[in-house]
Amino acid sequence: AKQVSIYEYDEEKHMRQEREASWEEGRLSGIKEGEERGRLSGRMELLKEQIQKKLSKGLSLFEIAEDLEEDETLIAELFQKIQE
């Protein structure tokens, strides 16, 4: 009689579990990346709105950058996008 271990290795099951774990890891990574992109996009949209409001009040790009505590280059780039 052949003795069989109660811990038989099931390669197919193991490979399926590995695929599922990898898929889940990739899915979570994608969600995290999407959330980060969304936050950045939202922040840029908010800055554009603030720039427009401050421009309507007659402030210069330098004054806006100072007021928003942002780099003047970033404010200028966003201003260009607003103009497009």
PDB file of N, CA and C in Angstrom:
ATOM      1  N   ALA A   1       0.841  -1.182   0.000  1.00  0.00           N
ATOM      2  CA  ALA A   1       0.000   0.000   0.000  1.00  0.00           C
ATOM      3  C   ALA A   1       0.880   1.237   0.000  1.00  0.00           C
ATOM      4  N   LYS A   2       0.443   2.211  -0.746  1.00  0.00           N
ATOM      5  CA  LYS A   2       1.189   3.458  -0.888  1.00  0.00           C
ATOM      6  C   LYS A   2       0.667   4.447   0.151  1.00  0.00           C
ATOM      7  N   GLN A   3       1.611   5.073   0.856  1.00  0.00           N
ATOM      8  CA  GLN A   3       1.229   6.056   1.864  1.00  0.00           C
ATOM      9  C   GLN A   3       1.116   7.432   1.193  1.00  0.00           C
ATOM     10  N   VAL A   4       0.059   8.169   1.486  1.00  0.00           N
ATOM     11  CA  VAL A   4      -0.157   9.477   0.883  1.00  0.00           C
ATOM     12  C   VAL A   4      -0.148  10.518   1.997  1.00  0.00           C
ATOM     13  N   SER A   5       0.579  11.591   1.743  1.00  0.00           N
ATOM     14  CA  SER A   5       0.653  12.673   2.719  1.00  0.00           C
ATOM     15  C   SER A   5      -0.671  13.427   2.749  1.00  0.00           C
ATOM     16  N   ILE A   6      -1.061  13.849   3.929  1.00  0.00           N
ATOM     17  CA  ILE A   6      -2.287  14.644   4.028  1.00  0.00           C
ATOM     18  C   ILE A   6      -2.053  16.051   3.476  1.00  0.00           C
ATOM     19  N   TYR A   7      -0.804  16.403   3.243  1.00  0.00           N
ATOM     20  CA  TYR A   7      -0.446  17.714   2.713  1.00  0.00           C
ATOM     21  C   TYR A   7      -0.006  17.594   1.257  1.00  0.00           C
ATOM     22  N   GLU A   8      -0.775  16.891   0.439  1.00  0.00           N
ATOM     23  CA  GLU A   8      -0.413  16.721  -0.963  1.00  0.00           C
ATOM     24  C   GLU A   8      -0.329  18.080  -1.631  1.00  0.00           C
ATOM     25  N   TYR A   9       0.666  18.216  -2.463  1.00  0.00           N
ATOM     26  CA  TYR A   9       0.872  19.461  -3.189  1.00  0.00           C
ATOM     27  C   TYR A   9      -0.018  19.473  -4.421  1.00  0.00           C
ATOM     28  N   ASP A  10      -0.824  20.477  -4.535  1.00  0.00           N
ATOM     29  CA  ASP A  10      -1.712  20.629  -5.688  1.00  0.00           C
ATOM     30  C   ASP A  10      -1.195  21.819  -6.497  1.00  0.00           C
ATOM     31  N   GLU A  11      -0.416  21.523  -7.537  1.00  0.00           N
ATOM     32  CA  GLU A  11       0.228  22.578  -8.327  1.00  0.00           C
ATOM     33  C   GLU A  11      -0.795  23.502  -8.978  1.00  0.00           C
ATOM     34  N   GLU A  12      -1.848  22.938  -9.521  1.00  0.00           N
ATOM     35  CA  GLU A  12      -2.864  23.750 -10.188  1.00  0.00           C
ATOM     36  C   GLU A  12      -3.503  24.733  -9.199  1.00  0.00           C
ATOM     37  N   LYS A  13      -3.823  24.235  -8.017  1.00  0.00           N
ATOM     38  CA  LYS A  13      -4.421  25.095  -6.988  1.00  0.00           C
ATOM     39  C   LYS A  13      -3.432  26.179  -6.565  1.00  0.00           C
ATOM     40  N   HIS A  14      -2.176  25.792  -6.408  1.00  0.00           N
ATOM     41  CA  HIS A  14      -1.138  26.747  -6.012  1.00  0.00           C
ATOM     42  C   HIS A  14      -0.995  27.851  -7.063  1.00  0.00           C
ATOM     43  N   MET A  15      -0.947  27.476  -8.336  1.00  0.00           N
ATOM     44  CA  MET A  15      -0.800  28.457  -9.412  1.00  0.00           C
ATOM     45  C   MET A  15      -2.014  29.386  -9.455  1.00  0.00           C
ATOM     46  N   ARG A  16      -3.209  28.849  -9.245  1.00  0.00           N
ATOM     47  CA  ARG A  16      -4.425  29.660  -9.229  1.00  0.00           C
ATOM     48  C   ARG A  16      -4.370  30.677  -8.081  1.00  0.00           C
ATOM     49  N   GLN A  17      -3.925  30.221  -6.918  1.00  0.00           N
ATOM     50  CA  GLN A  17      -3.814  31.117  -5.765  1.00  0.00           C
ATOM     51  C   GLN A  17      -2.786  32.216  -6.026  1.00  0.00           C
ATOM     52  N   GLU A  18      -1.680  31.862  -6.665  1.00  0.00           N
ATOM     53  CA  GLU A  18      -0.649  32.855  -6.997  1.00  0.00           C
ATOM     54  C   GLU A  18      -1.204  33.898  -7.968  1.00  0.00           C
ATOM     55  N   ARG A  19      -1.938  33.445  -8.995  1.00  0.00           N
ATOM     56  CA  ARG A  19      -2.538  34.374  -9.963  1.00  0.00           C
ATOM     57  C   ARG A  19      -3.523  35.307  -9.273  1.00  0.00           C
ATOM     58  N   GLU A  20      -4.362  34.738  -8.412  1.00  0.00           N
ATOM     59  CA  GLU A  20      -5.354  35.553  -7.707  1.00  0.00           C
ATOM     60  C   GLU A  20      -4.682  36.588  -6.814  1.00  0.00           C
ATOM     61  N   ALA A  21      -3.633  36.182  -6.119  1.00  0.00           N
ATOM     62  CA  ALA A  21      -2.913  37.112  -5.242  1.00  0.00           C
ATOM     63  C   ALA A  21      -2.257  38.217  -6.068  1.00  0.00           C
ATOM     64  N   SER A  22      -1.659  37.850  -7.201  1.00  0.00           N
ATOM     65  CA  SER A  22      -1.016  38.846  -8.064  1.00  0.00           C
ATOM     66  C   SER A  22      -2.045  39.795  -8.649  1.00  0.00           C
ATOM     67  N   TRP A  23      -3.195  39.250  -9.063  1.00  0.00           N
ATOM     68  CA  TRP A  23      -4.246  40.083  -9.626  1.00  0.00           C
ATOM     69  C   TRP A  23      -4.733  41.089  -8.584  1.00  0.00           C
ATOM     70  N   GLU A  24      -4.954  40.623  -7.372  1.00  0.00           N
ATOM     71  CA  GLU A  24      -5.440  41.500  -6.302  1.00  0.00           C
ATOM     72  C   GLU A  24      -4.413  42.582  -5.990  1.00  0.00           C
ATOM     73  N   GLU A  25      -3.143  42.210  -5.964  1.00  0.00           N
ATOM     74  CA  GLU A  25      -2.073  43.182  -5.711  1.00  0.00           C
ATOM     75  C   GLU A  25      -2.067  44.251  -6.804  1.00  0.00           C
ATOM     76  N   GLY A  26      -2.203  43.832  -8.052  1.00  0.00           N
ATOM     77  CA  GLY A  26      -2.248  44.776  -9.168  1.00  0.00           C
ATOM     78  C   GLY A  26      -3.467  45.677  -9.108  1.00  0.00           C
ATOM     79  N   ARG A  27      -4.599  45.104  -8.733  1.00  0.00           N
ATOM     80  CA  ARG A  27      -5.837  45.880  -8.622  1.00  0.00           C
ATOM     81  C   ARG A  27      -5.705  46.963  -7.554  1.00  0.00           C
ATOM     82  N   LEU A  28      -5.161  46.580  -6.401  1.00  0.00           N
ATOM     83  CA  LEU A  28      -4.988  47.548  -5.315  1.00  0.00           C
ATOM     84  C   LEU A  28      -3.999  48.639  -5.699  1.00  0.00           C
ATOM     85  N   SER A  29      -2.946  48.248  -6.401  1.00  0.00           N
ATOM     86  CA  SER A  29      -1.961  49.220  -6.867  1.00  0.00           C
ATOM     87  C   SER A  29      -2.612  50.207  -7.830  1.00  0.00           C
ATOM     88  N   GLY A  30      -3.461  49.709  -8.714  1.00  0.00           N
ATOM     89  CA  GLY A  30      -4.169  50.567  -9.661  1.00  0.00           C
ATOM     90  C   GLY A  30      -5.118  51.526  -8.968  1.00  0.00           C
ATOM     91  N   ILE A  31      -5.801  51.041  -7.961  1.00  0.00           N
ATOM     92  CA  ILE A  31      -6.716  51.900  -7.199  1.00  0.00           C
ATOM     93  C   ILE A  31      -5.931  53.018  -6.524  1.00  0.00           C
ATOM     94  N   LYS A  32      -4.817  52.658  -5.898  1.00  0.00           N
ATOM     95  CA  LYS A  32      -3.994  53.656  -5.208  1.00  0.00           C
ATOM     96  C   LYS A  32      -3.494  54.710  -6.191  1.00  0.00           C
ATOM     97  N   GLU A  33      -3.011  54.264  -7.352  1.00  0.00           N
ATOM     98  CA  GLU A  33      -2.511  55.201  -8.360  1.00  0.00           C
ATOM     99  C   GLU A  33      -3.635  56.115  -8.847  1.00  0.00           C
ATOM    100  N   GLY A  34      -4.814  55.548  -9.053  1.00  0.00           N
ATOM    101  CA  GLY A  34      -5.959  56.343  -9.488  1.00  0.00           C
ATOM    102  C   GLY A  34      -6.360  57.391  -8.462  1.00  0.00           C
ATOM    103  N   GLU A  35      -6.324  57.013  -7.200  1.00  0.00           N
ATOM    104  CA  GLU A  35      -6.663  57.963  -6.134  1.00  0.00           C
ATOM    105  C   GLU A  35      -5.648  59.097  -6.088  1.00  0.00           C
ATOM    106  N   GLU A  36      -4.368  58.765  -6.237  1.00  0.00           N
ATOM    107  CA  GLU A  36      -3.327  59.795  -6.224  1.00  0.00           C
ATOM    108  C   GLU A  36      -3.499  60.754  -7.394  1.00  0.00           C
ATOM    109  N   ARG A  37      -3.773  60.208  -8.575  1.00  0.00           N
ATOM    110  CA  ARG A  37      -4.001  61.060  -9.751  1.00  0.00           C
ATOM    111  C   ARG A  37      -5.214  61.958  -9.534  1.00  0.00           C
ATOM    112  N   GLY A  38      -6.262  61.395  -8.950  1.00  0.00           N
ATOM    113  CA  GLY A  38      -7.476  62.166  -8.691  1.00  0.00           C
ATOM    114  C   GLY A  38      -7.238  63.310  -7.722  1.00  0.00           C
ATOM    115  N   ARG A  39      -6.476  63.040  -6.677  1.00  0.00           N
ATOM    116  CA  ARG A  39      -6.160  64.101  -5.712  1.00  0.00           C
ATOM    117  C   ARG A  39      -5.367  65.217  -6.384  1.00  0.00           C
ATOM    118  N   LEU A  40      -4.362  64.844  -7.174  1.00  0.00           N
ATOM    119  CA  LEU A  40      -3.535  65.843  -7.852  1.00  0.00           C
ATOM    120  C   LEU A  40      -4.377  66.650  -8.832  1.00  0.00           C
ATOM    121  N   SER A  41      -5.218  65.966  -9.583  1.00  0.00           N
ATOM    122  CA  SER A  41      -6.083  66.644 -10.546  1.00  0.00           C
ATOM    123  C   SER A  41      -7.025  67.617  -9.829  1.00  0.00           C
ATOM    124  N   GLY A  42      -7.604  67.179  -8.736  1.00  0.00           N
ATOM    125  CA  GLY A  42      -8.493  68.038  -7.959  1.00  0.00           C
ATOM    126  C   GLY A  42      -7.778  69.249  -7.395  1.00  0.00           C
ATOM    127  N   ARG A  43      -6.557  69.042  -6.942  1.00  0.00           N
ATOM    128  CA  ARG A  43      -5.761  70.149  -6.394  1.00  0.00           C
ATOM    129  C   ARG A  43      -5.471  71.180  -7.480  1.00  0.00           C
ATOM    130  N   MET A  44      -5.124  70.702  -8.685  1.00  0.00           N
ATOM    131  CA  MET A  44      -4.824  71.611  -9.788  1.00  0.00           C
ATOM    132  C   MET A  44      -6.074  72.386 -10.207  1.00  0.00           C
ATOM    133  N   GLU A  45      -7.220  71.718 -10.220  1.00  0.00           N
ATOM    134  CA  GLU A  45      -8.473  72.398 -10.569  1.00  0.00           C
ATOM    135  C   GLU A  45      -8.805  73.474  -9.538  1.00  0.00           C
ATOM    136  N   LEU A  46      -8.595  73.168  -8.265  1.00  0.00           N
ATOM    137  CA  LEU A  46      -8.844  74.153  -7.212  1.00  0.00           C
ATOM    138  C   LEU A  46      -7.922  75.355  -7.382  1.00  0.00           C
ATOM    139  N   LEU A  47      -6.642  75.093  -7.657  1.00  0.00           N
ATOM    140  CA  LEU A  47      -5.707  76.201  -7.864  1.00  0.00           C
ATOM    141  C   LEU A  47      -6.128  77.060  -9.055  1.00  0.00           C
ATOM    142  N   LYS A  48      -6.577  76.423 -10.137  1.00  0.00           N
ATOM    143  CA  LYS A  48      -7.028  77.192 -11.310  1.00  0.00           C
ATOM    144  C   LYS A  48      -8.199  78.098 -10.940  1.00  0.00           C
ATOM    145  N   GLU A  49      -9.139  77.562 -10.166  1.00  0.00           N
ATOM    146  CA  GLU A  49     -10.286  78.369  -9.738  1.00  0.00           C
ATOM    147  C   GLU A  49      -9.827  79.547  -8.884  1.00  0.00           C
ATOM    148  N   GLN A  50      -8.890  79.285  -7.972  1.00  0.00           N
ATOM    149  CA  GLN A  50      -8.388  80.353  -7.112  1.00  0.00           C
ATOM    150  C   GLN A  50      -7.642  81.406  -7.926  1.00  0.00           C
ATOM    151  N   ILE A  51      -6.882  80.957  -8.918  1.00  0.00           N
ATOM    152  CA  ILE A  51      -6.153  81.891  -9.780  1.00  0.00           C
ATOM    153  C   ILE A  51      -7.142  82.787 -10.517  1.00  0.00           C
ATOM    154  N   GLN A  52      -8.187  82.195 -11.082  1.00  0.00           N
ATOM    155  CA  GLN A  52      -9.191  82.983 -11.805  1.00  0.00           C
ATOM    156  C   GLN A  52      -9.842  84.027 -10.900  1.00  0.00           C
ATOM    157  N   LYS A  53     -10.186  83.632  -9.691  1.00  0.00           N
ATOM    158  CA  LYS A  53     -10.817  84.569  -8.755  1.00  0.00           C
ATOM    159  C   LYS A  53      -9.876  85.720  -8.418  1.00  0.00           C
ATOM    160  N   LYS A  54      -8.610  85.394  -8.187  1.00  0.00           N
ATOM    161  CA  LYS A  54      -7.649  86.429  -7.803  1.00  0.00           C
ATOM    162  C   LYS A  54      -7.290  87.329  -8.981  1.00  0.00           C
ATOM    163  N   LEU A  55      -7.279  86.766 -10.195  1.00  0.00           N
ATOM    164  CA  LEU A  55      -7.054  87.592 -11.385  1.00  0.00           C
ATOM    165  C   LEU A  55      -8.197  88.587 -11.555  1.00  0.00           C
ATOM    166  N   SER A  56      -9.425  88.141 -11.279  1.00  0.00           N
ATOM    167  CA  SER A  56     -10.586  89.030 -11.415  1.00  0.00           C
ATOM    168  C   SER A  56     -10.535  90.164 -10.396  1.00  0.00           C
ATOM    169  N   LYS A  57      -9.777  89.971  -9.325  1.00  0.00           N
ATOM    170  CA  LYS A  57      -9.603  91.019  -8.313  1.00  0.00           C
ATOM    171  C   LYS A  57      -8.419  91.921  -8.643  1.00  0.00           C
ATOM    172  N   GLY A  58      -7.748  91.622  -9.774  1.00  0.00           N
ATOM    173  CA  GLY A  58      -6.660  92.486 -10.223  1.00  0.00           C
ATOM    174  C   GLY A  58      -5.281  92.126  -9.699  1.00  0.00           C
ATOM    175  N   LEU A  59      -5.136  90.966  -9.090  1.00  0.00           N
ATOM    176  CA  LEU A  59      -3.816  90.573  -8.583  1.00  0.00           C
ATOM    177  C   LEU A  59      -2.927  90.077  -9.726  1.00  0.00           C
ATOM    178  N   SER A  60      -1.624  90.281  -9.575  1.00  0.00           N
ATOM    179  CA  SER A  60      -0.659  89.781 -10.559  1.00  0.00           C
ATOM    180  C   SER A  60      -0.352  88.317 -10.259  1.00  0.00           C
ATOM    181  N   LEU A  61       0.287  87.643 -11.223  1.00  0.00           N
ATOM    182  CA  LEU A  61       0.665  86.245 -10.997  1.00  0.00           C
ATOM    183  C   LEU A  61       1.608  86.120  -9.808  1.00  0.00           C
ATOM    184  N   PHE A  62       2.511  87.079  -9.664  1.00  0.00           N
ATOM    185  CA  PHE A  62       3.430  87.054  -8.525  1.00  0.00           C
ATOM    186  C   PHE A  62       2.649  87.160  -7.214  1.00  0.00           C
ATOM    187  N   GLU A  63       1.698  88.091  -7.161  1.00  0.00           N
ATOM    188  CA  GLU A  63       0.895  88.272  -5.944  1.00  0.00           C
ATOM    189  C   GLU A  63       0.052  87.025  -5.646  1.00  0.00           C
ATOM    190  N   ILE A  64      -0.470  86.419  -6.699  1.00  0.00           N
ATOM    191  CA  ILE A  64      -1.271  85.204  -6.524  1.00  0.00           C
ATOM    192  C   ILE A  64      -0.403  84.087  -5.955  1.00  0.00           C
ATOM    193  N   ALA A  65       0.792  83.922  -6.511  1.00  0.00           N
ATOM    194  CA  ALA A  65       1.717  82.890  -6.028  1.00  0.00           C
ATOM    195  C   ALA A  65       2.049  83.123  -4.559  1.00  0.00           C
ATOM    196  N   GLU A  66       2.307  84.364  -4.208  1.00  0.00           N
ATOM    197  CA  GLU A  66       2.611  84.696  -2.811  1.00  0.00           C
ATOM    198  C   GLU A  66       1.409  84.404  -1.917  1.00  0.00           C
ATOM    199  N   ASP A  67       0.241  84.830  -2.353  1.00  0.00           N
ATOM    200  CA  ASP A  67      -0.977  84.660  -1.568  1.00  0.00           C
ATOM    201  C   ASP A  67      -1.310  83.177  -1.360  1.00  0.00           C
ATOM    202  N   LEU A  68      -1.125  82.366  -2.413  1.00  0.00           N
ATOM    203  CA  LEU A  68      -1.446  80.941  -2.327  1.00  0.00           C
ATOM    204  C   LEU A  68      -0.279  80.104  -1.804  1.00  0.00           C
ATOM    205  N   GLU A  69       0.837  80.766  -1.566  1.00  0.00           N
ATOM    206  CA  GLU A  69       2.055  80.091  -1.098  1.00  0.00           C
ATOM    207  C   GLU A  69       2.446  78.958  -2.043  1.00  0.00           C
ATOM    208  N   GLU A  70       2.439  79.280  -3.341  1.00  0.00           N
ATOM    209  CA  GLU A  70       2.812  78.331  -4.385  1.00  0.00           C
ATOM    210  C   GLU A  70       3.945  78.926  -5.203  1.00  0.00           C
ATOM    211  N   ASP A  71       4.623  78.051  -5.933  1.00  0.00           N
ATOM    212  CA  ASP A  71       5.705  78.476  -6.807  1.00  0.00           C
ATOM    213  C   ASP A  71       5.128  79.301  -7.961  1.00  0.00           C
ATOM    214  N   GLU A  72       5.789  80.407  -8.268  1.00  0.00           N
ATOM    215  CA  GLU A  72       5.296  81.286  -9.326  1.00  0.00           C
ATOM    216  C   GLU A  72       5.258  80.574 -10.682  1.00  0.00           C
ATOM    217  N   THR A  73       6.198  79.647 -10.902  1.00  0.00           N
ATOM    218  CA  THR A  73       6.226  78.887 -12.152  1.00  0.00           C
ATOM    219  C   THR A  73       4.959  78.045 -12.293  1.00  0.00           C
ATOM    220  N   LEU A  74       4.548  77.397 -11.221  1.00  0.00           N
ATOM    221  CA  LEU A  74       3.324  76.591 -11.246  1.00  0.00           C
ATOM    222  C   LEU A  74       2.114  77.468 -11.532  1.00  0.00           C
ATOM    223  N   ILE A  75       2.053  78.620 -10.893  1.00  0.00           N
ATOM    224  CA  ILE A  75       0.931  79.539 -11.105  1.00  0.00           C
ATOM    225  C   ILE A  75       0.898  79.992 -12.564  1.00  0.00           C
ATOM    226  N   ALA A  76       2.069  80.284 -13.131  1.00  0.00           N
ATOM    227  CA  ALA A  76       2.143  80.707 -14.534  1.00  0.00           C
ATOM    228  C   ALA A  76       1.692  79.585 -15.471  1.00  0.00           C
ATOM    229  N   GLU A  77       2.097  78.349 -15.178  1.00  0.00           N
ATOM    230  CA  GLU A  77       1.683  77.204 -16.005  1.00  0.00           C
ATOM    231  C   GLU A  77       0.171  77.017 -15.960  1.00  0.00           C
ATOM    232  N   LEU A  78      -0.389  77.110 -14.772  1.00  0.00           N
ATOM    233  CA  LEU A  78      -1.840  76.954 -14.636  1.00  0.00           C
ATOM    234  C   LEU A  78      -2.575  78.110 -15.310  1.00  0.00           C
ATOM    235  N   PHE A  79      -2.000  79.301 -15.234  1.00  0.00           N
ATOM    236  CA  PHE A  79      -2.584  80.464 -15.902  1.00  0.00           C
ATOM    237  C   PHE A  79      -2.644  80.220 -17.411  1.00  0.00           C
ATOM    238  N   GLN A  80      -1.568  79.652 -17.962  1.00  0.00           N
ATOM    239  CA  GLN A  80      -1.546  79.337 -19.399  1.00  0.00           C
ATOM    240  C   GLN A  80      -2.655  78.346 -19.754  1.00  0.00           C
ATOM    241  N   LYS A  81      -2.857  77.347 -18.916  1.00  0.00           N
ATOM    242  CA  LYS A  81      -3.913  76.355 -19.171  1.00  0.00           C
ATOM    243  C   LYS A  81      -5.298  76.993 -19.106  1.00  0.00           C
ATOM    244  N   ILE A  82      -5.459  77.959 -18.221  1.00  0.00           N
ATOM    245  CA  ILE A  82      -6.734  78.664 -18.107  1.00  0.00           C
ATOM    246  C   ILE A  82      -7.011  79.427 -19.401  1.00  0.00           C
ATOM    247  N   GLN A  83      -5.956  80.006 -19.980  1.00  0.00           N
ATOM    248  CA  GLN A  83      -6.098  80.813 -21.195  1.00  0.00           C
ATOM    249  C   GLN A  83      -6.416  79.978 -22.429  1.00  0.00           C
ATOM    250  N   GLU A  84      -6.110  78.680 -22.409  1.00  0.00           N
ATOM    251  CA  GLU A  84      -6.324  77.812 -23.581  1.00  0.00           C
ATOM    252  C   GLU A  84      -7.776  77.536 -23.835  1.00  0.00           C
TER     253      GLU A  84
END
